[in-house]
Amino acid sequence: MKYRAVETFWEAYAQLPLSIKTRARKAFRLFWQGAQDPPFHSSFRIRKMQGHPDIWEGHITRQYVFTFCIEQDDKTGERVFVFRNIGTHQIYRNP
């Protein structure tokens, strides 16, 4: 399983409160462990975004969410989870 984050994800992550960054790091460790065999860990409440068929959403807390898409590595055929954005529900405007 491969992962990467786009620049806008890291920019948004840098703006998060420290307590949310800590929770996000713990959550992503759990995500990586469970991503081998979806469905994902139930605590993330992951689902496809309405109106964005190729983008998924998940929850860090009730107020903080992240978005990602799943691509395929051209060379290996492996799935690549691409983290797009993280923040409050306002990120749904620009997932």
N, C-alpha and C. Protein backbone atom coordinates (compact mmCIF):
# COMPACT_ATOMS: atom_id res chain seq x y z
N MET A 1 0.84 -1.17 0.00
CA MET A 1 0.00 0.00 0.00
C MET A 1 0.89 1.24 0.00
N LYS A 2 0.58 2.16 -0.89
CA LYS A 2 1.37 3.39 -0.98
C LYS A 2 0.50 4.58 -0.59
N TYR A 3 1.17 5.62 -0.12
CA TYR A 3 0.49 6.83 0.32
C TYR A 3 1.29 8.04 -0.10
N ARG A 4 0.58 9.09 -0.35
CA ARG A 4 1.23 10.38 -0.55
C ARG A 4 0.20 11.47 -0.27
N ALA A 5 0.70 12.64 -0.03
CA ALA A 5 -0.18 13.78 0.22
C ALA A 5 0.21 14.90 -0.73
N VAL A 6 -0.78 15.58 -1.26
CA VAL A 6 -0.51 16.72 -2.14
C VAL A 6 -0.14 17.92 -1.28
N GLU A 7 0.45 18.91 -1.90
CA GLU A 7 0.93 20.08 -1.17
C GLU A 7 -0.18 20.78 -0.38
N THR A 8 -1.37 20.85 -0.95
CA THR A 8 -2.46 21.53 -0.25
C THR A 8 -2.83 20.80 1.04
N PHE A 9 -2.66 19.47 1.07
CA PHE A 9 -2.90 18.73 2.31
C PHE A 9 -1.94 19.21 3.39
N TRP A 10 -0.64 19.28 3.04
CA TRP A 10 0.36 19.68 4.03
C TRP A 10 0.16 21.13 4.47
N GLU A 11 -0.26 21.98 3.55
CA GLU A 11 -0.54 23.38 3.92
C GLU A 11 -1.70 23.44 4.91
N ALA A 12 -2.75 22.67 4.66
CA ALA A 12 -3.89 22.65 5.57
C ALA A 12 -3.51 22.02 6.90
N TYR A 13 -2.72 20.95 6.86
CA TYR A 13 -2.27 20.28 8.08
C TYR A 13 -1.48 21.24 8.96
N ALA A 14 -0.64 22.07 8.36
CA ALA A 14 0.17 23.03 9.12
C ALA A 14 -0.69 24.02 9.88
N GLN A 15 -1.90 24.27 9.42
CA GLN A 15 -2.80 25.23 10.06
C GLN A 15 -3.64 24.63 11.19
N LEU A 16 -3.59 23.33 11.35
CA LEU A 16 -4.41 22.67 12.37
C LEU A 16 -3.90 22.97 13.77
N PRO A 17 -4.79 22.98 14.75
CA PRO A 17 -4.36 23.10 16.15
C PRO A 17 -3.49 21.88 16.51
N LEU A 18 -2.57 22.06 17.42
CA LEU A 18 -1.65 21.00 17.82
C LEU A 18 -2.40 19.75 18.27
N SER A 19 -3.46 19.91 19.03
CA SER A 19 -4.20 18.75 19.51
C SER A 19 -4.80 17.94 18.36
N ILE A 20 -5.22 18.60 17.30
CA ILE A 20 -5.78 17.91 16.13
C ILE A 20 -4.67 17.25 15.33
N LYS A 21 -3.52 17.90 15.22
CA LYS A 21 -2.38 17.27 14.54
C LYS A 21 -2.01 15.96 15.23
N THR A 22 -2.00 15.97 16.55
CA THR A 22 -1.68 14.76 17.31
C THR A 22 -2.69 13.67 17.03
N ARG A 23 -3.97 14.02 17.06
CA ARG A 23 -5.02 13.03 16.78
C ARG A 23 -4.95 12.54 15.34
N ALA A 24 -4.61 13.46 14.43
CA ALA A 24 -4.51 13.08 13.02
C ALA A 24 -3.38 12.07 12.81
N ARG A 25 -2.23 12.30 13.44
CA ARG A 25 -1.11 11.36 13.31
C ARG A 25 -1.51 9.98 13.80
N LYS A 26 -2.18 9.91 14.95
CA LYS A 26 -2.64 8.63 15.48
C LYS A 26 -3.66 7.99 14.54
N ALA A 27 -4.56 8.80 14.04
CA ALA A 27 -5.59 8.28 13.14
C ALA A 27 -4.98 7.74 11.85
N PHE A 28 -4.01 8.43 11.29
CA PHE A 28 -3.41 7.97 10.03
C PHE A 28 -2.60 6.70 10.23
N ARG A 29 -2.01 6.51 11.39
CA ARG A 29 -1.35 5.22 11.66
C ARG A 29 -2.38 4.09 11.61
N LEU A 30 -3.54 4.34 12.20
CA LEU A 30 -4.62 3.35 12.18
C LEU A 30 -5.14 3.16 10.76
N PHE A 31 -5.26 4.25 10.02
CA PHE A 31 -5.71 4.20 8.63
C PHE A 31 -4.78 3.30 7.82
N TRP A 32 -3.48 3.52 7.96
CA TRP A 32 -2.50 2.75 7.19
C TRP A 32 -2.57 1.27 7.52
N GLN A 33 -2.84 0.95 8.77
CA GLN A 33 -2.95 -0.45 9.16
C GLN A 33 -4.19 -1.09 8.55
N GLY A 34 -5.28 -0.34 8.48
CA GLY A 34 -6.54 -0.88 7.99
C GLY A 34 -6.75 -0.75 6.50
N ALA A 35 -5.92 0.03 5.84
CA ALA A 35 -6.13 0.28 4.41
C ALA A 35 -5.79 -0.93 3.55
N GLN A 36 -5.14 -1.92 4.12
CA GLN A 36 -4.80 -3.11 3.36
C GLN A 36 -6.05 -3.80 2.83
N ASP A 37 -7.10 -3.76 3.61
CA ASP A 37 -8.26 -4.56 3.30
C ASP A 37 -9.54 -3.80 3.59
N PRO A 38 -9.89 -2.79 2.76
CA PRO A 38 -11.13 -2.06 3.02
C PRO A 38 -12.30 -3.02 3.16
N PRO A 39 -13.34 -2.74 3.94
CA PRO A 39 -13.63 -1.40 4.46
C PRO A 39 -12.67 -0.96 5.55
N PHE A 40 -12.50 0.32 5.61
CA PHE A 40 -11.57 0.94 6.55
C PHE A 40 -12.08 0.84 7.98
N HIS A 41 -11.21 1.15 8.90
CA HIS A 41 -11.58 1.13 10.31
C HIS A 41 -12.84 2.00 10.50
N SER A 42 -13.80 1.49 11.22
CA SER A 42 -15.10 2.15 11.35
C SER A 42 -15.03 3.52 12.01
N SER A 43 -14.01 3.79 12.80
CA SER A 43 -13.93 5.08 13.49
C SER A 43 -13.77 6.25 12.52
N PHE A 44 -13.32 5.97 11.30
CA PHE A 44 -13.14 7.05 10.32
C PHE A 44 -14.43 7.44 9.62
N ARG A 45 -15.43 6.58 9.68
CA ARG A 45 -16.69 6.82 8.97
C ARG A 45 -16.42 7.21 7.51
N ILE A 46 -15.60 6.44 6.85
CA ILE A 46 -15.20 6.74 5.47
C ILE A 46 -16.33 6.41 4.51
N ARG A 47 -16.51 7.32 3.56
CA ARG A 47 -17.50 7.13 2.50
C ARG A 47 -17.11 7.99 1.32
N LYS A 48 -17.68 7.68 0.17
CA LYS A 48 -17.45 8.50 -1.01
C LYS A 48 -18.18 9.83 -0.83
N MET A 49 -17.56 10.89 -1.31
CA MET A 49 -18.17 12.21 -1.19
C MET A 49 -19.30 12.36 -2.20
N GLN A 50 -20.38 12.98 -1.75
CA GLN A 50 -21.48 13.29 -2.65
C GLN A 50 -21.01 14.34 -3.65
N GLY A 51 -21.32 14.11 -4.91
CA GLY A 51 -20.97 15.08 -5.94
C GLY A 51 -19.53 15.00 -6.42
N HIS A 52 -18.73 14.14 -5.80
CA HIS A 52 -17.32 13.96 -6.19
C HIS A 52 -17.05 12.45 -6.21
N PRO A 53 -17.38 11.78 -7.30
CA PRO A 53 -17.35 10.32 -7.31
C PRO A 53 -15.98 9.68 -7.08
N ASP A 54 -14.91 10.41 -7.31
CA ASP A 54 -13.57 9.83 -7.13
C ASP A 54 -12.90 10.25 -5.83
N ILE A 55 -13.61 11.00 -4.99
CA ILE A 55 -13.03 11.49 -3.74
C ILE A 55 -13.76 10.87 -2.56
N TRP A 56 -12.98 10.46 -1.59
CA TRP A 56 -13.49 9.86 -0.36
C TRP A 56 -13.30 10.84 0.79
N GLU A 57 -14.09 10.69 1.83
CA GLU A 57 -13.95 11.51 3.02
C GLU A 57 -13.87 10.61 4.24
N GLY A 58 -13.16 11.09 5.25
CA GLY A 58 -13.06 10.37 6.51
C GLY A 58 -12.98 11.38 7.64
N HIS A 59 -13.18 10.91 8.86
CA HIS A 59 -13.21 11.80 10.02
C HIS A 59 -12.05 11.53 10.98
N ILE A 60 -11.45 12.62 11.43
CA ILE A 60 -10.46 12.56 12.52
C ILE A 60 -11.22 12.71 13.84
N THR A 61 -12.09 13.71 13.90
CA THR A 61 -13.00 13.95 15.02
C THR A 61 -14.36 14.29 14.41
N ARG A 62 -15.30 14.66 15.23
CA ARG A 62 -16.60 15.09 14.69
C ARG A 62 -16.46 16.36 13.85
N GLN A 63 -15.53 17.21 14.20
CA GLN A 63 -15.38 18.50 13.51
C GLN A 63 -14.31 18.49 12.43
N TYR A 64 -13.35 17.58 12.50
CA TYR A 64 -12.22 17.59 11.57
C TYR A 64 -12.25 16.36 10.68
N VAL A 65 -12.11 16.64 9.38
CA VAL A 65 -12.22 15.60 8.36
C VAL A 65 -11.02 15.66 7.42
N PHE A 66 -10.89 14.62 6.62
CA PHE A 66 -9.86 14.62 5.58
C PHE A 66 -10.47 14.03 4.31
N THR A 67 -9.87 14.37 3.18
CA THR A 67 -10.32 13.81 1.91
C THR A 67 -9.14 13.14 1.23
N PHE A 68 -9.48 12.14 0.43
CA PHE A 68 -8.44 11.43 -0.31
C PHE A 68 -9.05 10.79 -1.54
N CYS A 69 -8.18 10.41 -2.46
CA CYS A 69 -8.61 9.63 -3.61
C CYS A 69 -7.70 8.41 -3.69
N ILE A 70 -8.12 7.45 -4.46
CA ILE A 70 -7.34 6.23 -4.62
C ILE A 70 -6.94 6.14 -6.08
N GLU A 71 -5.63 6.12 -6.30
CA GLU A 71 -5.09 6.01 -7.65
C GLU A 71 -4.36 4.67 -7.77
N GLN A 72 -3.87 4.40 -8.95
CA GLN A 72 -3.11 3.19 -9.17
C GLN A 72 -1.73 3.56 -9.69
N ASP A 73 -0.70 2.98 -9.09
CA ASP A 73 0.67 3.20 -9.53
C ASP A 73 0.83 2.57 -10.91
N ASP A 74 1.25 3.38 -11.88
CA ASP A 74 1.38 2.89 -13.25
C ASP A 74 2.40 1.76 -13.38
N LYS A 75 3.44 1.80 -12.57
CA LYS A 75 4.51 0.81 -12.69
C LYS A 75 4.20 -0.49 -11.97
N THR A 76 3.66 -0.40 -10.75
CA THR A 76 3.47 -1.60 -9.94
C THR A 76 2.02 -2.09 -9.89
N GLY A 77 1.08 -1.22 -10.24
CA GLY A 77 -0.33 -1.59 -10.15
C GLY A 77 -0.89 -1.47 -8.75
N GLU A 78 -0.05 -1.08 -7.79
CA GLU A 78 -0.51 -0.93 -6.40
C GLU A 78 -1.45 0.25 -6.27
N ARG A 79 -2.34 0.16 -5.28
CA ARG A 79 -3.19 1.30 -4.96
C ARG A 79 -2.34 2.36 -4.26
N VAL A 80 -2.61 3.61 -4.58
CA VAL A 80 -1.95 4.74 -3.95
C VAL A 80 -3.03 5.62 -3.35
N PHE A 81 -2.98 5.81 -2.04
CA PHE A 81 -3.93 6.68 -1.36
C PHE A 81 -3.33 8.09 -1.38
N VAL A 82 -4.04 9.01 -2.00
CA VAL A 82 -3.57 10.38 -2.15
C VAL A 82 -4.42 11.28 -1.26
N PHE A 83 -3.79 11.78 -0.20
CA PHE A 83 -4.49 12.66 0.73
C PHE A 83 -4.54 14.06 0.15
N ARG A 84 -5.75 14.60 0.06
CA ARG A 84 -5.99 15.85 -0.64
C ARG A 84 -6.14 17.06 0.27
N ASN A 85 -6.89 16.90 1.37
CA ASN A 85 -7.19 18.04 2.23
C ASN A 85 -7.52 17.54 3.63
N ILE A 86 -7.39 18.43 4.60
CA ILE A 86 -7.71 18.11 5.99
C ILE A 86 -8.14 19.40 6.67
N GLY A 87 -9.14 19.31 7.52
CA GLY A 87 -9.61 20.50 8.24
C GLY A 87 -11.03 20.30 8.72
N THR A 88 -11.69 21.42 8.99
CA THR A 88 -13.09 21.37 9.42
C THR A 88 -13.95 21.03 8.21
N HIS A 89 -15.25 20.92 8.43
CA HIS A 89 -16.15 20.56 7.33
C HIS A 89 -16.13 21.56 6.19
N GLN A 90 -15.53 22.70 6.39
CA GLN A 90 -15.43 23.69 5.31
C GLN A 90 -14.60 23.17 4.14
N ILE A 91 -13.78 22.16 4.37
CA ILE A 91 -12.98 21.63 3.24
C ILE A 91 -13.86 20.97 2.19
N TYR A 92 -15.10 20.66 2.53
CA TYR A 92 -15.98 20.07 1.54
C TYR A 92 -16.22 21.01 0.35
N ARG A 93 -15.98 22.26 0.57
CA ARG A 93 -16.12 23.23 -0.54
C ARG A 93 -15.01 23.05 -1.56
N ASN A 94 -13.85 22.56 -1.11
CA ASN A 94 -12.71 22.33 -2.00
C ASN A 94 -12.00 21.06 -1.55
N PRO A 95 -12.62 19.90 -1.85
CA PRO A 95 -12.11 18.64 -1.32
C PRO A 95 -10.77 18.26 -1.89
